[in-house]
Amino acid sequence: MKDKMLKPAILSVSLLTIMASAAVAPALGKIRLAFPEADATLIKLILTLPALMIIPFSLISGKLVQNMKKKTLMMIGLVIYLIAGFGGGFAQNIIQLLIIRGVLGIGVGIIMPLSTTLIGDFFKGDQRKKMMGLAGSVQNLGGVIFQIGAGFLAVISWRYAFGVYTIALFILILVGLFLPEPPREEPTGVPGQKPRNKLPIAVYVIAFLCILNMVVFFVMPTNLAMFLEHEKKLFTSDRALFKSKEDFQKHLKAGTISKETIDAFKGNGITLSTDATLKPGEEKFTWEITDKRKKFVIKKEDGKLIIKTEKLAKAAMAGYILSAMSLSAMFAGLLLVGFARIFRKFAIPIAILLMGLGYFLLSGASSIWIIFVAVVVIGFGFGTIQPTIFLTVQRIAPPNARAFAMAIVGSSIFLGQFISPIVMKGVVTIFNQDSFQFRFLALAFALGGAGILAIIISLFKPKKKATPKVYI
């Protein structure tokens, strides 16, 4: 029984890691209303503060495991995770909430390197590859569960959203009952010499690439909700769109537009048909013009009429879109071995190009369906790259330093999450182009260039003498 439950016990821990800090993102709006006196930056720290705490404690965990039982350390991390996770729902002010969120980061930091190190301890060869792909899938499945669960619970109360972290209780029981203490692997080398603890330089290079990968990927959860609700300004009209107030009321009641409206739009390069309809908007002092499949929003601000495109969707849709991206990444993990067998050394370059294609589609997205397609493509590329990174580190790190190597790479993930908004802010400042379309297009070109460079490097990379069965 214990042998059969070993895989579920190890994989279950992966549910709690990558998206732990972003799990309550759907509840941020209600948390802001609950603490109106709190600055917007403090509200954002609810998501980013755990990532900051994860970085040092992941490194500490990687060192502690060299002299401490892995199962014991895992149990300690899970207990901290459980208490601090749902404990956020009991916070009475924003400072209490941030302290609790910081403690959550400590718990994640402890279990993060162990969740992947255990795969290297118990599995070898193709089994290790399959398990690493499954771990990546489970990580993204955790994102789906957390995002949908927190969104559903936040409808009742923002405090209930923190209830998603109670899943750690079941994982704590599973690990306690079915995860044995892994055997300590004897290092190879000359008898009597100290085991090799020094990490190869390649581990640090991979960690840097992991930061870049996460900077690119985390643009989605940090920008998506605002992108969906963004209304692109088309033009400002100083003149009235109707002859008089009475003429406006007449057209509004009939649902028609005037010749003046058609002329104003035409003067700004937009042709409206005579079949276009007019109706009141969802917000006060707004109106909507619908012409076939196109919609325009008219707002009155400071005595002027501002004409914008309609919102792509409500921000609440962001949870479903991010879940679709996580599901796509999950399936990429499940298909990792087959994908690597087909594309061999070009698997990662193709995955990079897929992410670039996804951001290119986003840059010109005009409907919610294009956005869904784009995030699915991005998720598949990311879901291929991330487990391959972990697998490579498992292969090149010395056995006795494997946990510390995974801690370094795991920390780089959360560092990438934290600096992603800062990096993108720097990019838009340098180019003086602060728009979502520019952000996505810049990422598309950057990833396209990186993918092409990776293909060129792969073409000139010397063939290994190892067995042809290994493709990653």
Protein backbone atom coordinates (compact mmCIF):
# COMPACT_ATOMS: atom_id res chain seq x y z
CA MET A 1 0.00 0.00 0.00
CA LYS A 2 2.76 2.42 0.97
CA ASP A 3 4.60 1.77 -2.31
CA LYS A 4 1.44 2.54 -4.31
CA MET A 5 0.89 5.78 -2.40
CA LEU A 6 4.49 7.02 -2.74
CA LYS A 7 3.90 8.83 -6.05
CA PRO A 8 0.67 10.57 -4.90
CA ALA A 9 2.38 11.60 -1.65
CA ILE A 10 5.31 13.21 -3.48
CA LEU A 11 3.20 14.80 -6.23
CA SER A 12 0.62 16.18 -3.79
CA VAL A 13 3.19 18.59 -2.35
CA SER A 14 3.57 20.18 -5.80
CA LEU A 15 -0.04 21.40 -5.54
CA LEU A 16 1.04 23.91 -2.90
CA THR A 17 4.08 25.61 -4.39
CA ILE A 18 4.24 27.75 -7.56
CA MET A 19 0.87 29.57 -7.32
CA ALA A 20 0.74 29.72 -3.51
CA SER A 21 1.27 33.48 -3.28
CA ALA A 22 -1.19 34.28 -6.09
CA ALA A 23 -3.93 31.93 -4.83
CA VAL A 24 -6.08 34.69 -3.30
CA ALA A 25 -5.73 37.07 -6.27
CA PRO A 26 -9.49 36.83 -7.04
CA ALA A 27 -10.24 38.21 -3.54
CA LEU A 28 -7.98 41.29 -3.76
CA GLY A 29 -10.85 43.59 -4.77
CA LYS A 30 -12.89 42.66 -1.70
CA ILE A 31 -9.85 42.84 0.57
CA ARG A 32 -9.30 46.41 -0.70
CA LEU A 33 -12.88 47.27 0.28
CA ALA A 34 -12.44 45.62 3.70
CA PHE A 35 -9.36 47.77 4.43
CA PRO A 36 -10.13 51.10 2.69
CA GLU A 37 -7.49 52.93 4.71
CA ALA A 38 -4.71 50.69 3.31
CA ASP A 39 -2.53 52.00 0.50
CA ALA A 40 -2.83 50.18 -2.85
CA THR A 41 0.82 49.10 -2.57
CA LEU A 42 0.09 47.30 0.72
CA ILE A 43 -2.80 45.46 -0.95
CA LYS A 44 -0.46 44.28 -3.72
CA LEU A 45 2.00 43.06 -1.08
CA ILE A 46 -0.57 40.43 -0.11
CA LEU A 47 0.52 38.62 -3.30
CA THR A 48 4.19 39.61 -3.51
CA LEU A 49 5.33 39.46 0.14
CA PRO A 50 5.18 35.63 0.34
CA ALA A 51 7.46 35.46 -2.73
CA LEU A 52 10.05 37.62 -0.97
CA MET A 53 10.02 35.36 2.09
CA ILE A 54 10.18 32.20 -0.01
CA ILE A 55 13.55 33.15 -1.51
CA PRO A 56 15.73 33.12 1.66
CA PHE A 57 13.87 30.27 3.36
CA SER A 58 14.11 28.10 0.26
CA LEU A 59 17.89 28.50 0.40
CA ILE A 60 17.89 27.82 4.16
CA SER A 61 15.81 24.68 3.58
CA GLY A 62 18.26 23.52 0.91
CA LYS A 63 21.09 23.77 3.45
CA LEU A 64 19.18 22.31 6.43
CA VAL A 65 18.31 19.18 4.50
CA GLN A 66 21.99 18.20 4.35
CA ASN A 67 21.93 17.58 8.13
CA MET A 68 18.24 17.02 8.83
CA LYS A 69 15.70 14.39 7.80
CA LYS A 70 13.80 15.48 4.70
CA LYS A 71 10.47 14.13 5.89
CA THR A 72 10.76 15.98 9.21
CA LEU A 73 11.56 19.25 7.43
CA MET A 74 8.68 18.67 4.99
CA MET A 75 6.22 18.13 7.86
CA ILE A 76 7.38 21.34 9.57
CA GLY A 77 6.94 23.28 6.33
CA LEU A 78 3.45 21.86 5.75
CA VAL A 79 2.30 22.75 9.28
CA ILE A 80 3.51 26.35 8.85
CA TYR A 81 1.86 26.49 5.41
CA LEU A 82 -1.47 25.22 6.74
CA ILE A 83 -1.67 27.56 9.75
CA ALA A 84 -0.48 30.67 7.90
CA GLY A 85 -2.54 29.83 4.81
CA PHE A 86 -6.04 29.80 6.26
CA GLY A 87 -4.91 32.11 9.09
CA GLY A 88 -5.07 35.04 6.67
CA GLY A 89 -8.85 34.89 6.92
CA PHE A 90 -8.68 35.83 10.62
CA ALA A 91 -6.62 39.02 10.16
CA GLN A 92 -8.18 42.12 11.74
CA ASN A 93 -6.08 44.70 9.90
CA ILE A 94 -3.77 44.92 6.92
CA ILE A 95 -0.57 44.68 9.01
CA GLN A 96 -1.73 41.42 10.62
CA LEU A 97 -2.62 40.07 7.19
CA LEU A 98 0.80 40.94 5.76
CA ILE A 99 2.61 39.31 8.71
CA ILE A 100 0.59 36.13 8.22
CA ARG A 101 1.31 36.18 4.49
CA GLY A 102 5.02 36.52 5.25
CA VAL A 103 4.84 33.41 7.46
CA LEU A 104 3.11 31.59 4.59
CA GLY A 105 6.14 32.39 2.44
CA ILE A 106 8.35 30.72 5.07
CA GLY A 107 6.29 27.53 4.80
CA VAL A 108 6.42 27.53 1.00
CA GLY A 109 10.16 28.24 1.10
CA ILE A 110 10.74 25.16 3.25
CA ILE A 111 8.74 22.71 1.13
CA MET A 112 9.58 24.14 -2.31
CA PRO A 113 13.05 22.55 -2.84
CA LEU A 114 11.96 19.31 -1.16
CA SER A 115 8.99 18.80 -3.49
CA THR A 116 11.28 18.35 -6.49
CA THR A 117 14.31 16.89 -4.68
CA LEU A 118 12.23 13.89 -3.53
CA ILE A 119 11.65 12.94 -7.17
CA GLY A 120 15.41 12.69 -7.67
CA ASP A 121 15.72 10.65 -4.47
CA PHE A 122 13.16 7.98 -5.36
CA PHE A 123 13.17 7.82 -9.18
CA LYS A 124 15.77 7.39 -11.93
CA GLY A 125 15.95 7.60 -15.73
CA ASP A 126 12.68 7.77 -17.67
CA GLN A 127 10.70 7.39 -14.44
CA ARG A 128 12.32 10.57 -13.13
CA LYS A 129 11.43 12.42 -16.36
CA LYS A 130 7.83 11.26 -16.16
CA MET A 131 7.55 12.23 -12.51
CA MET A 132 9.07 15.67 -13.16
CA GLY A 133 6.55 16.23 -15.95
CA LEU A 134 3.75 15.09 -13.65
CA ALA A 135 5.03 17.41 -10.91
CA GLY A 136 4.86 20.34 -13.33
CA SER A 137 1.32 19.33 -14.25
CA VAL A 138 0.28 19.06 -10.59
CA GLN A 139 1.79 22.48 -9.86
CA ASN A 140 -0.40 24.01 -12.55
CA LEU A 141 -3.39 21.96 -11.41
CA GLY A 142 -2.83 23.58 -8.01
CA GLY A 143 -3.10 26.95 -9.73
CA VAL A 144 -6.46 25.96 -11.23
CA ILE A 145 -7.81 24.68 -7.91
CA PHE A 146 -6.63 27.72 -5.96
CA GLN A 147 -7.84 30.32 -8.46
CA ILE A 148 -11.28 28.84 -9.06
CA GLY A 149 -11.74 27.89 -5.40
CA ALA A 150 -10.66 31.29 -4.07
CA GLY A 151 -12.84 33.07 -6.63
CA PHE A 152 -15.87 31.02 -5.63
CA LEU A 153 -15.29 31.50 -1.89
CA ALA A 154 -14.57 35.24 -2.31
CA VAL A 155 -18.14 35.71 -3.54
CA ILE A 156 -19.26 34.78 -0.01
CA SER A 157 -16.52 36.66 1.84
CA TRP A 158 -12.87 37.59 1.26
CA ARG A 159 -12.06 35.75 4.51
CA TYR A 160 -13.42 32.49 3.10
CA ALA A 161 -11.03 32.76 0.12
CA PHE A 162 -8.15 31.80 2.43
CA GLY A 163 -9.95 28.50 3.03
CA VAL A 164 -8.33 27.12 -0.14
CA TYR A 165 -5.12 26.65 1.85
CA THR A 166 -6.77 24.01 4.05
CA ILE A 167 -5.98 21.52 1.27
CA ALA A 168 -2.57 21.38 2.99
CA LEU A 169 -4.20 19.40 5.84
CA PHE A 170 -4.95 16.46 3.52
CA ILE A 171 -1.45 16.63 2.04
CA LEU A 172 0.06 16.72 5.54
CA ILE A 173 -1.79 13.49 6.39
CA LEU A 174 -0.79 11.89 3.06
CA VAL A 175 2.89 12.73 3.53
CA GLY A 176 2.87 11.65 7.18
CA LEU A 177 1.39 8.23 6.37
CA PHE A 178 2.94 7.30 3.04
CA LEU A 179 6.20 9.19 2.48
CA PRO A 180 9.24 7.29 3.82
CA GLU A 181 12.48 9.05 4.68
CA PRO A 182 14.50 8.87 1.43
CA PRO A 183 17.83 7.02 1.64
CA ARG A 184 20.86 9.26 1.68
CA GLU A 185 22.68 8.75 -1.58
CA GLU A 186 26.34 7.93 -1.14
CA PRO A 187 28.45 10.32 -3.20
CA THR A 188 30.76 8.84 -5.78
CA GLY A 189 34.43 9.67 -5.58
CA VAL A 190 37.66 8.67 -3.91
CA PRO A 191 37.10 6.90 -0.56
CA GLY A 192 38.09 9.05 2.39
CA GLN A 193 37.62 12.31 0.54
CA LYS A 194 34.89 14.83 1.49
CA PRO A 195 31.79 14.61 -0.72
CA ARG A 196 31.56 17.20 -3.50
CA ASN A 197 29.19 19.97 -2.42
CA LYS A 198 30.19 22.59 -4.95
CA LEU A 199 27.52 23.23 -7.54
CA PRO A 200 28.45 23.43 -11.22
CA ILE A 201 28.23 26.89 -12.78
CA ALA A 202 25.47 25.57 -15.05
CA VAL A 203 23.07 25.53 -12.06
CA TYR A 204 23.46 29.29 -11.65
CA VAL A 205 23.05 29.84 -15.40
CA ILE A 206 19.84 27.81 -15.33
CA ALA A 207 18.62 29.79 -12.31
CA PHE A 208 19.16 33.03 -14.28
CA LEU A 209 17.24 31.63 -17.26
CA CYS A 210 14.49 30.57 -14.85
CA ILE A 211 14.23 34.18 -13.60
CA LEU A 212 13.82 35.40 -17.19
CA ASN A 213 11.22 32.72 -17.91
CA MET A 214 9.22 33.71 -14.82
CA VAL A 215 9.49 37.44 -15.57
CA VAL A 216 7.87 36.76 -18.95
CA PHE A 217 5.25 34.32 -17.68
CA PHE A 218 4.15 36.39 -14.66
CA VAL A 219 3.18 39.29 -16.93
CA MET A 220 -0.09 37.39 -17.40
CA PRO A 221 -1.41 37.20 -13.79
CA THR A 222 -0.20 40.75 -13.01
CA ASN A 223 -1.74 42.39 -16.10
CA LEU A 224 -4.63 40.25 -17.28
CA ALA A 225 -7.46 41.66 -15.12
CA MET A 226 -6.53 45.25 -15.98
CA PHE A 227 -6.09 44.33 -19.67
CA LEU A 228 -9.59 42.86 -19.81
CA GLU A 229 -11.14 46.00 -18.34
CA HIS A 230 -8.99 48.37 -20.37
CA GLU A 231 -10.85 50.65 -22.75
CA LYS A 232 -8.70 51.96 -25.60
CA LYS A 233 -9.27 55.67 -26.26
CA LEU A 234 -10.05 56.33 -29.92
CA PHE A 235 -10.70 60.09 -30.02
CA THR A 236 -12.16 63.06 -28.16
CA SER A 237 -15.04 65.03 -29.62
CA ASP A 238 -15.36 68.74 -28.85
CA ARG A 239 -18.62 68.98 -30.77
CA ALA A 240 -21.94 67.41 -29.97
CA LEU A 241 -22.90 64.13 -31.61
CA PHE A 242 -26.54 65.25 -31.85
CA LYS A 243 -28.31 68.49 -32.87
CA SER A 244 -29.76 69.09 -29.41
CA LYS A 245 -30.59 67.44 -26.13
CA GLU A 246 -34.06 66.68 -27.43
CA ASP A 247 -32.57 65.13 -30.59
CA PHE A 248 -30.29 62.97 -28.42
CA GLN A 249 -33.24 61.76 -26.28
CA LYS A 250 -35.22 60.93 -29.43
CA HIS A 251 -32.37 58.86 -30.92
CA LEU A 252 -31.64 57.18 -27.57
CA LYS A 253 -35.29 56.13 -27.22
CA ALA A 254 -35.34 54.81 -30.80
CA GLY A 255 -31.89 53.21 -30.44
CA THR A 256 -30.54 54.98 -33.53
CA ILE A 257 -27.59 57.28 -34.24
CA SER A 258 -27.59 60.71 -35.90
CA LYS A 259 -25.87 62.02 -39.03
CA GLU A 260 -23.72 64.19 -36.74
CA THR A 261 -22.49 61.07 -34.96
CA ILE A 262 -21.63 59.37 -38.26
CA ASP A 263 -19.74 62.49 -39.43
CA ALA A 264 -17.82 62.81 -36.12
CA PHE A 265 -16.67 59.17 -36.30
CA LYS A 266 -15.81 59.48 -40.00
CA GLY A 267 -13.69 62.54 -39.25
CA ASN A 268 -11.58 60.30 -36.99
CA GLY A 269 -11.21 57.46 -39.47
CA ILE A 270 -14.10 55.27 -38.27
CA THR A 271 -16.99 54.47 -40.60
CA LEU A 272 -20.35 53.74 -38.99
CA SER A 273 -23.26 52.27 -40.90
CA THR A 274 -26.75 53.71 -40.68
CA ASP A 275 -27.81 50.47 -38.95
CA ALA A 276 -25.66 51.23 -35.88
CA THR A 277 -27.60 51.28 -32.60
CA LEU A 278 -27.38 53.48 -29.50
CA LYS A 279 -28.17 52.54 -25.91
CA PRO A 280 -27.24 53.64 -22.34
CA GLY A 281 -23.98 52.22 -20.95
CA GLU A 282 -23.47 50.23 -17.75
CA GLU A 283 -21.91 53.20 -15.94
CA LYS A 284 -23.35 56.65 -15.32
CA PHE A 285 -22.86 59.17 -18.15
CA THR A 286 -21.85 56.47 -20.63
CA TRP A 287 -23.50 55.28 -23.82
CA GLU A 288 -22.76 52.42 -26.22
CA ILE A 289 -22.87 52.37 -30.00
CA THR A 290 -23.01 48.94 -31.60
CA ASP A 291 -22.27 48.56 -35.30
CA LYS A 292 -22.39 44.93 -36.39
CA ARG A 293 -19.76 43.23 -34.17
CA LYS A 294 -18.01 46.43 -33.12
CA LYS A 295 -18.87 48.31 -29.94
CA PHE A 296 -17.88 51.83 -28.92
CA VAL A 297 -18.24 53.40 -25.49
CA ILE A 298 -18.97 57.13 -25.20
CA LYS A 299 -18.12 58.83 -21.91
CA LYS A 300 -18.72 62.41 -20.83
CA GLU A 301 -15.77 63.82 -18.87
CA ASP A 302 -15.10 67.51 -18.12
CA GLY A 303 -17.63 68.64 -20.70
CA LYS A 304 -16.05 66.58 -23.50
CA LEU A 305 -17.11 63.34 -25.16
CA ILE A 306 -14.51 60.59 -25.10
CA ILE A 307 -14.97 57.66 -27.47
CA LYS A 308 -13.33 54.38 -26.51
CA THR A 309 -13.46 50.73 -27.47
CA GLU A 310 -15.51 48.48 -25.19
CA LYS A 311 -13.95 46.38 -22.43
CA LEU A 312 -12.83 42.97 -23.63
CA ALA A 313 -14.42 41.37 -20.55
CA LYS A 314 -15.04 41.93 -16.86
CA ALA A 315 -12.08 41.45 -14.53
CA ALA A 316 -13.85 38.45 -12.97
CA MET A 317 -13.17 36.57 -16.23
CA ALA A 318 -9.43 36.73 -15.42
CA GLY A 319 -9.74 33.79 -13.02
CA TYR A 320 -11.18 31.53 -15.73
CA ILE A 321 -8.58 32.64 -18.27
CA LEU A 322 -5.69 32.06 -15.86
CA SER A 323 -7.18 28.66 -15.04
CA ALA A 324 -7.19 27.82 -18.76
CA MET A 325 -3.51 28.78 -18.91
CA SER A 326 -2.74 26.59 -15.89
CA LEU A 327 -4.65 23.67 -17.42
CA SER A 328 -2.68 24.03 -20.65
CA ALA A 329 0.59 24.03 -18.69
CA MET A 330 -0.64 20.96 -16.81
CA PHE A 331 -1.24 19.03 -20.05
CA ALA A 332 2.18 20.13 -21.31
CA GLY A 333 3.71 18.46 -18.26
CA LEU A 334 1.76 15.28 -18.95
CA LEU A 335 2.97 15.28 -22.57
CA LEU A 336 6.53 16.30 -21.72
CA VAL A 337 8.24 12.99 -22.52
CA GLY A 338 6.39 12.53 -25.82
CA PHE A 339 6.99 16.17 -26.83
CA ALA A 340 10.72 15.76 -26.11
CA ARG A 341 10.89 12.51 -28.10
CA ILE A 342 9.32 14.16 -31.15
CA PHE A 343 11.26 17.42 -31.19
CA ARG A 344 14.40 16.21 -29.39
CA LYS A 345 16.92 19.05 -28.98
CA PHE A 346 14.48 21.55 -30.47
CA ALA A 347 11.81 20.97 -27.78
CA ILE A 348 12.78 23.98 -25.65
CA PRO A 349 13.31 26.39 -28.60
CA ILE A 350 9.84 25.46 -29.89
CA ALA A 351 8.35 25.97 -26.43
CA ILE A 352 9.93 29.46 -26.30
CA LEU A 353 8.49 30.28 -29.74
CA LEU A 354 5.06 29.08 -28.59
CA MET A 355 5.14 31.55 -25.69
CA GLY A 356 6.14 34.28 -28.15
CA LEU A 357 3.25 33.36 -30.43
CA GLY A 358 0.84 33.57 -27.50
CA TYR A 359 1.95 37.08 -26.58
CA PHE A 360 1.78 38.10 -30.26
CA LEU A 361 -1.86 36.97 -30.36
CA LEU A 362 -2.55 38.92 -27.15
CA SER A 363 -1.05 42.12 -28.58
CA GLY A 364 -3.79 42.26 -31.21
CA ALA A 365 -6.59 40.49 -29.30
CA SER A 366 -10.01 41.94 -30.05
CA SER A 367 -12.18 39.22 -28.52
CA ILE A 368 -12.23 37.03 -25.44
CA TRP A 369 -11.78 33.88 -27.56
CA ILE A 370 -8.48 35.10 -29.01
CA ILE A 371 -7.30 35.75 -25.46
CA PHE A 372 -8.24 32.20 -24.44
CA VAL A 373 -6.30 30.78 -27.41
CA ALA A 374 -3.30 33.01 -26.61
CA VAL A 375 -3.07 32.00 -22.94
CA VAL A 376 -3.44 28.31 -23.81
CA VAL A 377 -0.44 28.62 -26.17
CA ILE A 378 1.57 30.52 -23.53
CA GLY A 379 0.64 27.97 -20.87
CA PHE A 380 1.75 25.03 -23.04
CA GLY A 381 5.12 26.64 -23.74
CA PHE A 382 5.67 27.46 -20.07
CA GLY A 383 4.52 23.99 -18.97
CA THR A 384 7.16 22.46 -21.22
CA ILE A 385 10.03 24.71 -20.16
CA GLN A 386 9.59 24.74 -16.38
CA PRO A 387 9.76 20.98 -15.60
CA THR A 388 12.64 20.62 -18.07
CA ILE A 389 14.57 23.20 -16.05
CA PHE A 390 14.05 21.19 -12.86
CA LEU A 391 14.94 17.95 -14.63
CA THR A 392 18.20 19.41 -15.93
CA VAL A 393 19.19 20.62 -12.46
CA GLN A 394 18.41 17.19 -11.01
CA ARG A 395 20.74 15.64 -13.58
CA ILE A 396 23.74 17.96 -13.24
CA ALA A 397 23.78 18.65 -9.47
CA PRO A 398 25.81 16.39 -7.14
CA PRO A 399 23.46 14.07 -5.17
CA ASN A 400 24.41 15.50 -1.76
CA ALA A 401 23.88 19.09 -3.00
CA ARG A 402 20.77 18.44 -5.06
CA ALA A 403 18.38 19.99 -2.53
CA PHE A 404 20.42 23.19 -2.39
CA ALA A 405 20.54 23.33 -6.19
CA MET A 406 16.76 22.99 -6.34
CA ALA A 407 16.49 25.69 -3.65
CA ILE A 408 18.51 28.09 -5.81
CA VAL A 409 16.38 27.43 -8.88
CA GLY A 410 13.16 27.48 -6.84
CA SER A 411 14.15 30.84 -5.36
CA SER A 412 14.78 32.18 -8.85
CA ILE A 413 11.15 31.40 -9.73
CA PHE A 414 9.83 33.65 -6.99
CA LEU A 415 12.44 36.32 -7.63
CA GLY A 416 11.22 36.34 -11.23
CA GLN A 417 7.63 36.71 -10.01
CA PHE A 418 8.55 39.63 -7.77
CA ILE A 419 10.60 41.60 -10.31
CA SER A 420 8.32 40.92 -13.31
CA PRO A 421 6.22 44.13 -12.85
CA ILE A 422 9.40 46.13 -12.16
CA VAL A 423 11.13 44.88 -15.32
CA MET A 424 8.08 45.57 -17.49
CA LYS A 425 7.74 49.05 -15.98
CA GLY A 426 11.36 49.69 -16.94
CA VAL A 427 10.74 48.51 -20.51
CA VAL A 428 7.71 50.75 -21.08
CA THR A 429 9.57 53.69 -19.49
CA ILE A 430 12.60 53.27 -21.77
CA PHE A 431 10.44 53.10 -24.91
CA ASN A 432 7.85 55.59 -23.61
CA GLN A 433 5.05 53.21 -24.68
CA ASP A 434 2.82 52.46 -21.71
CA SER A 435 0.16 50.25 -23.27
CA PHE A 436 -0.81 46.61 -22.89
CA GLN A 437 -0.43 46.07 -26.63
CA PHE A 438 3.19 47.30 -26.49
CA ARG A 439 3.99 45.10 -23.47
CA PHE A 440 2.69 41.97 -25.19
CA LEU A 441 4.29 42.81 -28.54
CA ALA A 442 7.66 43.51 -26.89
CA LEU A 443 7.51 40.12 -25.16
CA ALA A 444 6.53 38.45 -28.44
CA PHE A 445 9.59 39.85 -30.24
CA ALA A 446 11.91 39.09 -27.29
CA LEU A 447 10.71 35.48 -27.10
CA GLY A 448 10.83 35.13 -30.88
CA GLY A 449 14.48 36.25 -30.88
CA ALA A 450 15.30 33.96 -27.94
CA GLY A 451 13.62 31.01 -29.67
CA ILE A 452 15.54 31.55 -32.92
CA LEU A 453 18.81 31.91 -30.98
CA ALA A 454 18.04 28.68 -29.11
CA ILE A 455 17.46 26.86 -32.43
CA ILE A 456 20.81 28.11 -33.80
CA ILE A 457 22.61 27.00 -30.61
CA SER A 458 20.90 23.59 -30.82
CA LEU A 459 21.97 23.15 -34.45
CA PHE A 460 25.63 23.69 -33.62
CA LYS A 461 25.57 21.87 -30.28
CA PRO A 462 27.82 18.76 -30.46
CA LYS A 463 26.08 15.42 -30.18
CA LYS A 464 26.44 13.54 -26.90
CA LYS A 465 27.73 10.01 -26.83
CA ALA A 466 25.03 9.01 -24.38
CA THR A 467 22.19 6.65 -25.15
CA PRO A 468 19.76 8.08 -27.71
CA LYS A 469 16.83 7.39 -25.33
CA VAL A 470 17.56 10.57 -23.38
CA TYR A 471 16.12 13.64 -25.11
CA ILE A 472 15.96 16.21 -22.31
